[in-house]
Protein backbone atom coordinates (compact mmCIF):
# COMPACT_ATOMS: atom_id res chain seq x y z
CA MET A 1 20.95 -33.65 5.55
CA ARG A 2 19.28 -30.61 7.10
CA LYS A 3 15.54 -30.92 7.64
CA ALA A 4 13.46 -28.40 5.70
CA PHE A 5 11.96 -25.54 7.70
CA TYR A 6 8.38 -26.56 6.94
CA ARG A 7 9.05 -30.00 8.47
CA GLN A 8 11.21 -28.76 11.30
CA HIS A 9 8.65 -26.18 12.42
CA ARG A 10 5.53 -28.23 11.76
CA PRO A 11 3.03 -28.14 14.69
CA LYS A 12 3.02 -31.21 16.92
CA LYS A 13 -0.26 -30.60 18.73
CA LEU A 14 -3.69 -29.32 17.68
CA SER A 15 -3.20 -26.39 20.04
CA GLU A 16 -0.10 -25.33 18.05
CA VAL A 17 -1.94 -25.07 14.73
CA VAL A 18 -2.42 -21.44 13.68
CA GLY A 19 -5.26 -20.06 11.56
CA GLN A 20 -7.65 -23.04 11.74
CA GLU A 21 -9.10 -22.62 15.21
CA HIS A 22 -12.62 -23.34 13.97
CA ILE A 23 -11.39 -26.86 13.19
CA THR A 24 -8.86 -27.56 15.94
CA THR A 25 -11.29 -26.54 18.69
CA THR A 26 -13.97 -28.92 17.44
CA LEU A 27 -11.55 -31.82 17.01
CA SER A 28 -9.96 -31.22 20.43
CA ASN A 29 -13.35 -31.33 22.11
CA ALA A 30 -14.27 -34.52 20.22
CA ILE A 31 -11.06 -36.20 21.38
CA LYS A 32 -11.60 -35.12 25.01
CA THR A 33 -15.14 -36.51 25.06
CA GLY A 34 -14.25 -39.64 23.13
CA ASN A 35 -16.72 -38.74 20.40
CA ILE A 36 -14.58 -40.05 17.53
CA SER A 37 -16.11 -40.43 14.06
CA HIS A 38 -15.15 -43.29 11.77
CA ALA A 39 -14.34 -40.90 8.86
CA TYR A 40 -13.24 -37.28 8.42
CA LEU A 41 -12.85 -35.24 5.23
CA LEU A 42 -10.42 -32.30 5.39
CA THR A 43 -10.74 -29.88 2.48
CA GLY A 44 -9.06 -26.61 1.59
CA PRO A 45 -6.18 -24.95 -0.27
CA LYS A 46 -2.66 -26.35 -0.25
CA GLY A 47 -0.26 -25.71 2.58
CA VAL A 48 -2.77 -24.68 5.25
CA GLY A 49 -2.37 -27.67 7.59
CA LYS A 50 -4.65 -30.47 6.37
CA THR A 51 -1.99 -33.20 6.45
CA SER A 52 -0.45 -31.88 9.67
CA ILE A 53 -3.81 -31.95 11.46
CA ALA A 54 -4.54 -35.41 10.06
CA ARG A 55 -1.27 -36.74 11.51
CA ILE A 56 -1.69 -34.93 14.83
CA MET A 57 -5.21 -36.23 15.20
CA ALA A 58 -4.16 -39.78 14.33
CA HIS A 59 -1.69 -39.65 17.22
CA GLU A 60 -3.90 -37.81 19.72
CA ILE A 61 -6.90 -40.16 19.38
CA ASN A 62 -4.44 -42.95 20.15
CA ASN A 63 -2.79 -40.97 22.96
CA LEU A 64 0.57 -41.22 21.19
CA PRO A 65 3.31 -38.55 21.07
CA TYR A 66 3.77 -37.10 17.59
CA GLU A 67 7.23 -36.73 16.11
CA ASP A 68 7.63 -36.10 12.38
CA ALA A 69 10.55 -38.49 12.06
CA GLN A 70 8.74 -41.40 13.70
CA THR A 71 6.25 -43.81 12.14
CA HIS A 72 3.67 -46.06 13.80
CA LEU A 73 2.37 -49.35 12.48
CA ASP A 74 -1.23 -48.40 13.23
CA ILE A 75 -1.07 -45.06 11.38
CA ILE A 76 -1.02 -45.71 7.63
CA GLU A 77 -0.59 -42.88 5.13
CA ILE A 78 -1.65 -43.37 1.51
CA ASP A 79 -0.89 -40.89 -1.28
CA ALA A 80 -3.87 -41.23 -3.59
CA ALA A 81 -1.96 -39.51 -6.39
CA SER A 82 0.46 -42.46 -6.51
CA ASN A 83 -1.90 -45.22 -5.30
CA ARG A 84 -5.10 -44.36 -7.10
CA ARG A 85 -6.00 -47.74 -8.59
CA ILE A 86 -8.60 -50.15 -7.29
CA ASP A 87 -5.91 -52.70 -6.39
CA GLU A 88 -4.51 -50.46 -3.62
CA ILE A 89 -7.95 -49.83 -2.14
CA ARG A 90 -8.82 -53.54 -2.32
CA ASP A 91 -5.62 -54.29 -0.44
CA LEU A 92 -6.65 -51.72 2.18
CA ARG A 93 -10.11 -53.29 2.42
CA ASP A 94 -8.65 -56.75 2.91
CA LYS A 95 -6.33 -55.64 5.73
CA ILE A 96 -8.74 -53.29 7.45
CA HIS A 97 -10.27 -55.98 9.61
CA ILE A 98 -6.91 -56.81 11.21
CA ALA A 99 -6.85 -55.33 14.73
CA PRO A 100 -4.34 -52.59 15.63
CA THR A 101 -0.96 -53.83 16.83
CA SER A 102 -0.77 -51.63 19.93
CA ALA A 103 -2.93 -48.55 19.52
CA LYS A 104 -6.64 -48.16 20.14
CA TYR A 105 -7.43 -47.18 16.55
CA LYS A 106 -5.96 -48.07 13.20
CA VAL A 107 -5.94 -44.76 11.30
CA TYR A 108 -5.81 -44.51 7.51
CA ILE A 109 -4.79 -41.08 6.17
CA ILE A 110 -5.55 -40.79 2.44
CA ASP A 111 -4.03 -37.61 1.01
CA GLU A 112 -5.34 -36.04 -2.21
CA VAL A 113 -8.23 -38.48 -2.11
CA HIS A 114 -9.84 -36.85 -5.15
CA MET A 115 -7.18 -38.59 -7.31
CA LEU A 116 -8.70 -42.05 -6.80
CA THR A 117 -10.31 -43.71 -9.81
CA ARG A 118 -14.04 -44.32 -9.96
CA GLU A 119 -13.53 -48.02 -9.25
CA ALA A 120 -11.30 -47.20 -6.28
CA PHE A 121 -13.92 -44.80 -4.90
CA ASN A 122 -16.55 -47.53 -5.18
CA ALA A 123 -14.33 -49.92 -3.25
CA LEU A 124 -13.65 -47.26 -0.61
CA LEU A 125 -17.36 -46.50 -0.32
CA LYS A 126 -18.11 -50.11 0.64
CA THR A 127 -15.53 -49.86 3.42
CA LEU A 128 -16.91 -46.52 4.68
CA GLU A 129 -20.43 -47.93 4.81
CA GLU A 130 -19.49 -50.77 7.17
CA PRO A 131 -16.21 -49.85 8.90
CA PRO A 132 -14.80 -51.91 11.79
CA GLU A 133 -14.98 -50.22 15.20
CA HIS A 134 -11.20 -49.92 15.42
CA VAL A 135 -10.73 -48.03 12.12
CA VAL A 136 -10.70 -44.27 11.51
CA PHE A 137 -10.36 -42.73 8.03
CA ILE A 138 -8.98 -39.22 7.57
CA LEU A 139 -9.32 -38.08 3.95
CA ALA A 140 -7.68 -34.88 2.70
CA THR A 141 -8.08 -33.03 -0.59
CA THR A 142 -7.56 -29.68 -2.26
CA GLU A 143 -10.40 -30.39 -4.71
CA PRO A 144 -13.47 -31.52 -2.77
CA HIS A 145 -15.74 -31.07 -5.81
CA LYS A 146 -14.04 -34.14 -7.33
CA VAL A 147 -14.95 -36.36 -4.38
CA PRO A 148 -18.20 -38.30 -4.98
CA GLU A 149 -21.11 -37.13 -2.88
CA THR A 150 -21.61 -40.71 -1.67
CA ILE A 151 -18.16 -40.50 -0.03
CA VAL A 152 -18.66 -36.99 1.36
CA SER A 153 -21.98 -37.89 2.96
CA ARG A 154 -20.32 -40.63 5.01
CA THR A 155 -17.72 -38.33 6.56
CA GLN A 156 -17.49 -35.36 8.88
CA GLN A 157 -16.26 -32.57 6.62
CA PHE A 158 -14.00 -29.73 7.79
CA SER A 159 -13.23 -26.83 5.44
CA PHE A 160 -9.84 -25.19 5.92
CA ARG A 161 -9.27 -21.54 5.16
CA ALA A 162 -6.38 -19.73 3.56
CA VAL A 163 -4.33 -18.34 6.44
CA PRO A 164 -4.44 -14.52 6.79
CA GLU A 165 -1.20 -12.83 5.77
CA ALA A 166 -0.75 -11.29 9.23
CA LEU A 167 -0.70 -14.75 10.84
CA VAL A 168 1.69 -16.11 8.24
CA ALA A 169 3.99 -13.12 8.75
CA GLY A 170 3.93 -13.69 12.50
CA GLN A 171 4.96 -17.32 12.07
CA LEU A 172 7.73 -16.36 9.65
CA GLU A 173 9.12 -13.85 12.11
CA ALA A 174 9.05 -16.46 14.88
CA ILE A 175 10.89 -19.01 12.70
CA ALA A 176 13.43 -16.42 11.58
CA LYS A 177 14.15 -15.57 15.20
CA LEU A 178 14.59 -19.24 16.14
CA GLU A 179 16.89 -19.81 13.15
CA GLY A 180 18.89 -16.61 13.67
CA ILE A 181 17.85 -15.14 10.32
CA LYS A 182 18.02 -11.38 9.80
CA ILE A 183 15.04 -10.20 7.79
CA ASP A 184 13.28 -6.85 7.58
CA LYS A 185 9.56 -6.44 8.18
CA GLU A 186 8.72 -5.53 4.59
CA ALA A 187 10.47 -8.66 3.32
CA VAL A 188 8.48 -10.79 5.78
CA ASN A 189 5.22 -9.28 4.56
CA LEU A 190 6.21 -9.80 0.94
CA ILE A 191 6.96 -13.49 1.56
CA ALA A 192 3.62 -13.88 3.35
CA SER A 193 1.81 -12.18 0.48
CA HIS A 194 3.53 -14.36 -2.12
CA GLY A 195 2.51 -17.48 -0.17
CA GLU A 196 -1.17 -16.63 -0.74
CA GLY A 197 -2.32 -18.04 2.58
CA SER A 198 -0.13 -21.16 2.46
CA PHE A 199 2.09 -21.74 5.48
CA ARG A 200 4.11 -24.37 3.66
CA ASP A 201 4.86 -22.24 0.61
CA SER A 202 5.78 -19.21 2.74
CA ILE A 203 8.05 -21.18 5.07
CA SER A 204 9.70 -22.95 2.11
CA LEU A 205 10.46 -19.58 0.52
CA LEU A 206 11.97 -18.32 3.78
CA ASP A 207 14.08 -21.48 3.88
CA GLN A 208 15.27 -20.89 0.33
CA LEU A 209 16.17 -17.25 0.97
CA SER A 210 18.03 -18.08 4.17
CA SER A 211 20.42 -20.44 2.36
CA SER A 212 22.48 -17.49 1.12
CA GLY A 213 23.60 -16.81 4.69
CA GLU A 214 22.95 -13.09 4.28
CA SER A 215 20.21 -10.91 5.71
CA ILE A 216 16.99 -11.06 3.72
CA SER A 217 15.83 -7.79 2.15
CA THR A 218 12.77 -6.89 0.12
CA ASP A 219 14.89 -6.70 -3.03
CA SER A 220 16.24 -10.22 -2.50
CA VAL A 221 12.70 -11.54 -2.08
CA ARG A 222 11.57 -9.85 -5.30
CA LEU A 223 14.60 -11.17 -7.15
CA VAL A 224 14.04 -14.79 -6.06
CA VAL A 225 10.29 -14.95 -6.68
CA GLY A 226 10.38 -12.79 -9.83
CA LEU A 227 8.12 -10.02 -8.56
CA PRO A 228 8.15 -6.68 -10.38
CA GLU A 229 8.67 -3.45 -8.47
CA ASN A 230 5.48 -1.56 -7.62
CA SER A 231 6.88 1.61 -9.17
CA LYS A 232 7.39 -0.19 -12.49
CA LEU A 233 3.88 -1.61 -12.35
CA ALA A 234 2.47 1.84 -11.66
CA SER A 235 4.43 3.19 -14.62
CA LEU A 236 3.03 0.42 -16.83
CA ILE A 237 -0.53 1.22 -15.75
CA GLY A 238 0.10 4.87 -16.57
CA SER A 239 1.29 3.90 -20.05
CA ILE A 240 -1.79 1.72 -20.53
CA HIS A 241 -4.24 4.45 -19.55
CA GLU A 242 -2.43 7.06 -21.64
CA GLY A 243 -2.28 4.85 -24.73
CA ARG A 244 1.53 4.87 -25.04
CA ILE A 245 1.96 1.68 -27.05
CA ASP A 246 5.74 1.79 -27.50
CA ALA A 247 6.22 2.34 -23.76
CA ILE A 248 4.03 -0.67 -22.96
CA VAL A 249 6.03 -2.94 -25.24
CA ASP A 250 9.33 -1.69 -23.77
CA GLN A 251 8.12 -2.16 -20.20
CA LEU A 252 6.93 -5.70 -20.87
CA GLN A 253 10.31 -6.50 -22.43
CA ASP A 254 12.00 -5.13 -19.32
CA PHE A 255 9.94 -7.43 -17.09
CA LYS A 256 10.85 -10.39 -19.28
CA ALA A 257 14.54 -9.49 -19.19
CA HIS A 258 14.42 -9.48 -15.37
CA GLY A 259 12.79 -12.90 -15.23
CA VAL A 260 9.29 -11.70 -14.31
CA SER A 261 6.70 -14.03 -15.82
CA SER A 262 3.66 -12.77 -17.68
CA ALA A 263 1.42 -14.60 -15.22
CA VAL A 264 2.99 -12.72 -12.30
CA VAL A 265 2.70 -9.37 -14.10
CA SER A 266 -0.96 -10.09 -14.81
CA LYS A 267 -1.62 -11.00 -11.20
CA GLN A 268 0.10 -7.88 -9.87
CA LEU A 269 -1.70 -5.66 -12.38
CA ILE A 270 -5.05 -7.14 -11.37
CA ALA A 271 -4.37 -6.29 -7.73
CA MET A 272 -3.44 -2.68 -8.55
CA LEU A 273 -6.29 -2.18 -11.02
CA ARG A 274 -8.74 -3.62 -8.51
CA ALA A 275 -7.54 -1.05 -5.97
CA GLU A 276 -8.05 1.65 -8.60
CA LEU A 277 -11.53 0.33 -9.36
CA LEU A 278 -12.53 0.42 -5.69
CA GLY A 279 -10.98 3.83 -5.13
CA PRO A 280 -12.90 7.12 -5.07
CA LYS A 281 -11.75 8.10 -8.57
CA THR A 282 -10.76 6.14 -11.64
CA VAL A 283 -8.87 7.46 -14.65
CA ILE A 284 -11.01 5.49 -17.08
CA PRO A 285 -14.62 4.24 -16.98
CA LYS A 286 -15.11 1.41 -14.51
CA ALA A 287 -16.70 -0.84 -17.14
CA GLN A 288 -13.56 -0.55 -19.25
CA LEU A 289 -11.41 -1.23 -16.18
CA LEU A 290 -13.42 -4.35 -15.33
CA GLU A 291 -13.05 -5.61 -18.89
CA LEU A 292 -9.27 -5.29 -18.64
CA ILE A 293 -9.19 -7.11 -15.27
CA GLU A 294 -11.32 -9.92 -16.71
CA THR A 295 -8.96 -10.29 -19.68
CA LEU A 296 -5.87 -10.32 -17.44
CA MET A 297 -7.37 -13.13 -15.35
CA LEU A 298 -7.22 -15.37 -18.42
CA VAL A 299 -3.59 -14.63 -19.33
CA PRO A 300 -2.02 -17.51 -17.30
CA THR A 301 -4.34 -20.01 -19.03
CA LYS A 302 -3.27 -19.06 -22.56
CA ALA A 303 -0.87 -21.12 -24.68
CA ASP A 304 1.37 -18.04 -25.01
CA PRO A 305 0.85 -15.95 -21.84
CA ALA A 306 3.41 -13.31 -22.89
CA MET A 307 1.63 -12.60 -26.18
CA ALA A 308 -1.78 -12.74 -24.49
CA LEU A 309 -0.66 -10.14 -21.93
CA GLU A 310 0.80 -7.83 -24.57
CA VAL A 311 -2.32 -7.99 -26.74
CA ALA A 312 -4.60 -7.38 -23.76
CA LEU A 313 -2.69 -4.29 -22.66
CA LEU A 314 -2.29 -2.85 -26.16
CA LYS A 315 -5.97 -3.37 -26.91
CA HIS A 316 -6.91 -1.49 -23.77
CA ALA A 317 -4.35 1.23 -24.49
CA VAL A 318 -5.79 1.87 -27.94
CA ALA A 319 -9.28 2.14 -26.47
CA SER A 320 -8.10 4.56 -23.77
CA SER A 321 -5.74 6.68 -25.83
CA GLU A 322 -6.59 10.26 -26.59
CA THR A 323 -6.30 9.69 -30.34
CA GLU A 324 -7.16 7.16 -32.99
CA LYS A 325 -3.63 7.26 -34.44
CA VAL A 326 -0.91 7.20 -31.80
CA GLU A 327 2.73 8.13 -32.46
CA VAL A 328 4.40 7.75 -29.08
CA GLY A 329 7.63 9.65 -28.47
CA ARG A 330 6.81 12.68 -30.62
CA SER A 331 5.55 16.04 -29.50
CA LYS A 332 2.09 15.51 -30.95
CA VAL A 333 -0.22 13.06 -32.63
CA GLU A 334 -2.93 13.53 -35.22
CA VAL A 335 -6.59 12.72 -35.20
CA SER A 336 -8.59 13.53 -38.29
CA GLY A 337 -6.40 16.55 -38.97
CA VAL A 338 -6.68 17.91 -35.41
CA GLU A 339 -3.40 18.51 -33.60
CA VAL A 340 -3.32 16.88 -30.18
CA GLY A 341 -0.57 17.85 -27.75
CA ARG A 342 0.57 15.80 -24.78
CA SER A 343 -1.07 18.25 -22.36
CA LYS A 344 -3.90 19.61 -24.44
CA VAL A 345 -5.79 19.45 -27.71
CA GLU A 346 -5.01 22.58 -29.68
CA ALA A 347 -7.77 24.48 -31.50
CA ALA A 348 -10.08 21.72 -32.62
CA GLU A 349 -11.71 23.61 -35.47
CA LEU A 350 -15.26 22.58 -36.33
CA SER A 351 -16.60 22.93 -39.85
CA THR A 352 -19.35 25.42 -39.00
CA PRO A 353 -18.56 28.66 -37.09
CA TYR A 354 -20.12 29.17 -33.68
CA SER A 355 -21.14 32.31 -31.88
CA VAL A 356 -19.12 33.76 -29.01
CA LEU A 357 -20.23 32.70 -25.55
CA SER A 358 -19.36 36.03 -23.93
CA THR A 359 -19.52 39.63 -25.12
CA PRO A 360 -17.05 40.50 -27.93
CA ASN A 361 -14.65 42.42 -25.69
CA SER A 362 -14.67 40.07 -22.69
CA LYS A 363 -11.60 38.31 -21.25
CA ILE A 364 -11.51 34.61 -20.46
CA GLN A 365 -14.02 33.96 -17.73
CA ASP A 366 -13.24 32.48 -14.34
CA PRO A 367 -13.34 28.68 -14.88
CA ARG A 368 -15.42 28.32 -11.72
CA SER A 369 -18.06 30.90 -12.72
CA LYS A 370 -21.69 29.88 -12.60
CA ILE A 371 -23.54 30.14 -15.90
CA SER A 372 -26.98 28.79 -15.07
CA ASN A 373 -28.60 31.51 -17.22
CA GLU A 374 -26.04 31.57 -20.02
CA PRO A 375 -26.02 29.78 -23.43
CA TRP A 376 -23.72 26.98 -22.24
CA ALA A 377 -26.45 25.87 -19.85
CA ASP A 378 -28.74 25.62 -22.87
CA VAL A 379 -26.13 23.45 -24.61
CA LEU A 380 -25.94 21.12 -21.60
CA LEU A 381 -29.71 20.95 -21.22
CA SER A 382 -30.21 20.19 -24.91
CA ALA A 383 -27.45 17.56 -24.78
CA LYS A 384 -29.11 15.90 -21.81
CA LYS A 385 -32.42 15.74 -23.63
CA GLN A 386 -31.12 14.75 -27.06
CA HIS A 387 -27.71 13.10 -26.63
CA ASN A 388 -27.37 11.82 -23.08
CA SER A 389 -24.02 10.04 -23.55
CA LEU A 390 -22.46 13.24 -24.96
CA TYR A 391 -23.95 15.19 -22.06
CA GLY A 392 -22.20 12.81 -19.65
CA VAL A 393 -18.87 13.97 -21.12
CA LEU A 394 -19.66 17.69 -21.59
CA ARG A 395 -20.77 18.07 -17.98
CA MET A 396 -17.19 17.18 -16.96
CA ALA A 397 -15.74 20.08 -18.98
CA GLN A 398 -14.15 23.08 -17.33
CA MET A 399 -15.55 25.73 -19.69
CA THR A 400 -13.89 29.08 -20.39
CA THR A 401 -14.42 31.64 -23.15
CA SER A 402 -12.48 34.32 -25.00
CA ASP A 403 -13.51 36.73 -27.74
CA ASN A 404 -13.83 34.11 -30.44
CA GLU A 405 -13.45 30.76 -28.73
CA ILE A 406 -15.06 28.28 -26.35
CA GLN A 407 -12.45 26.31 -24.45
CA LEU A 408 -13.46 22.97 -22.95
CA GLY A 409 -10.90 21.65 -20.46
CA PHE A 410 -10.99 18.01 -19.33
CA LYS A 411 -9.06 16.10 -16.71
CA PHE A 412 -8.58 12.86 -18.68
CA PRO A 413 -7.58 12.11 -22.30
CA PHE A 414 -10.46 9.66 -22.53
CA HIS A 415 -12.98 12.53 -22.35
CA VAL A 416 -11.06 14.47 -25.01
CA LYS A 417 -11.18 11.49 -27.31
CA GLN A 418 -14.92 11.10 -26.78
CA VAL A 419 -15.64 14.71 -27.75
CA LEU A 420 -13.39 14.46 -30.82
CA GLN A 421 -15.29 11.52 -32.26
CA ALA A 422 -16.89 12.59 -35.50
CA LYS A 423 -20.43 11.77 -34.38
CA ASN A 424 -20.01 13.79 -31.19
CA LEU A 425 -18.41 16.74 -33.01
CA ASP A 426 -21.47 16.89 -35.28
CA LYS A 427 -23.78 16.78 -32.26
CA LEU A 428 -21.79 19.47 -30.44
CA HIS A 429 -21.85 21.61 -33.59
CA GLY A 430 -25.63 21.45 -33.73
CA LEU A 431 -26.06 22.17 -30.02
CA VAL A 432 -23.75 25.20 -29.98
CA SER A 433 -25.16 26.58 -33.22
CA ALA A 434 -28.62 26.51 -31.69
CA SER A 435 -27.55 28.33 -28.51
CA PHE A 436 -25.10 31.00 -29.70
CA LYS A 437 -25.37 33.82 -32.20
CA ASN A 438 -21.85 34.83 -33.32
CA PRO A 439 -19.31 32.68 -35.22
CA MET A 440 -16.55 31.12 -33.14
CA LYS A 441 -14.24 28.11 -32.79
CA VAL A 442 -14.06 25.43 -30.11
CA SER A 443 -10.86 24.04 -28.58
CA VAL A 444 -10.81 20.87 -26.53
CA THR A 445 -8.12 20.88 -23.85
CA ILE A 446 -6.61 18.67 -21.18
CA ALA A 447 -6.66 21.21 -18.34
CA GLU A 448 -3.36 21.47 -16.49
CA ASN A 449 -5.04 22.78 -13.32
CA TYR A 450 -8.35 21.02 -13.60
CA GLU A 451 -11.07 21.80 -11.07
CA GLU A 452 -14.52 20.29 -10.81
CA PRO A 453 -16.70 22.43 -13.11
CA LEU A 454 -19.55 24.56 -11.86
CA HIS A 455 -20.85 24.85 -15.43
CA THR A 456 -23.51 22.28 -14.79
CA LEU A 457 -27.27 22.13 -14.80
CA SER A 458 -29.32 23.07 -11.79
CA PRO A 459 -30.83 20.22 -9.73
CA ASP A 460 -34.22 20.82 -11.34
CA GLN A 461 -32.67 20.65 -14.82
CA GLU A 462 -30.74 17.48 -13.90
CA LYS A 463 -34.02 15.82 -13.00
CA GLY A 464 -35.52 16.75 -16.32
CA ALA A 465 -36.28 13.77 -18.56
CA VAL A 466 -36.84 13.42 -22.24
CA GLN A 467 -40.52 13.46 -22.91
CA PRO A 468 -41.65 10.45 -24.91
CA SER A 469 -42.81 11.01 -28.40
CA SER A 470 -46.54 10.60 -28.74
CA ASN A 471 -45.88 8.94 -32.09
CA ASP A 472 -43.77 6.16 -30.56
CA PRO A 473 -46.07 3.50 -29.03
CA VAL A 474 -43.17 1.67 -27.34
CA VAL A 475 -41.92 4.79 -25.58
CA ALA A 476 -45.47 5.80 -24.73
CA SER A 477 -46.09 2.38 -23.13
CA LEU A 478 -42.92 2.64 -21.06
CA SER A 479 -43.96 6.10 -19.95
CA ASN A 480 -47.35 4.84 -18.85
CA ILE A 481 -45.70 2.14 -16.72
CA PHE A 482 -42.66 3.92 -15.31
CA GLY A 483 -43.50 7.60 -15.73
CA PRO A 484 -41.41 10.04 -17.84
CA VAL A 485 -38.42 8.26 -19.31
CA GLU A 486 -34.97 9.42 -20.38
CA LEU A 487 -33.77 8.20 -23.75
CA ILE A 488 -30.11 7.24 -24.10
CA ASP A 489 -28.72 8.03 -27.56
């Protein structure tokens, strides 16, 4: 039977261990100086070298060559997951006083030590408190928080780190070369990424992929591990942000049909959404993005991950959509009687006529024109003082005018939806009515060639704050403490 890659290419010396130099250097120096402790605790994620280092160290402190296929009577390995009862630890305690057969030290390696029962831990504690001179314990665990503090305090603890992807990729390339495996660079990086810092998991995946006897491509890696294509994930995120419910359901069904688990989709979405969150611009508010990421983190823990993922994405899509009632696949949707096109919101008529922003015979103004002394500036200033949340949306509008219309162009559907909310339409109606003289209509548009608007307040106006009402003792008190305050509606 062929030996698995992770066993065949396991390091045989501390100097061969990659990615844990902060540990191997300390242990090597301790061995050289003869400063050997009676107990060590190795903690960290799976597959990063805890057991390998434990075995190497057991051999090196005894000056013995280490070969994976060989065993030594004075090096005893115990799997705590299978031998967790007090009887096994009592048996260890009874035999511990027997001198080594040929080595200097009798070494006990207890893997997954956190699995021991409370009674077994108590028995082990007694042994750790008064160990014979010829005994060394090396305990290993992936869950150090489950190891009693009384045990931890009697050991030298070493915390292992997840191995950086670049180091894992380098080791995979070296193994592939030794084994005569043809694999492209992108496939190597994908395997390393999927391993999440675990050498063992990454090498095992390489071993599995190599069994086909063919060269390993990125597509073959994705197919084996059930990873979705980045382009499909990007398309799904676009559907989520745009509120296209039918598209989301279809895309999730496609992932399922190709064997991609909901947990994997959630994980990949989190990575891409996190990149969007940290980027210079986000399509939707960051608070809403964080809420979606937080919900996706819980998907793998649900009883029905597939349903949990679908509900999470649809809930977010509804919140981000440009309308309250979405009919995906048609040329338009309806919101409170207002026609909303895919690229713009056509002629959102308000109940009360507004005055014209420009002179009656004027053409549409340059979208980048400054209007610091025009009525729109009064609208923005009044919105900032009276309705700050609405102001935060209006200031993003690319404003143009024609003879009988104000056109507000936005970059994102989310902003269109905010303006079209009934409460905000009423507020906008009052603000425009107070600033303009002639009747007019207002259209809210998704601008096809959006540019950052110059229709904003001057720096002095931006600094302006809502003056507290003298009749409001709470606001007056805040003003006395912090100075002029700005009220958020």
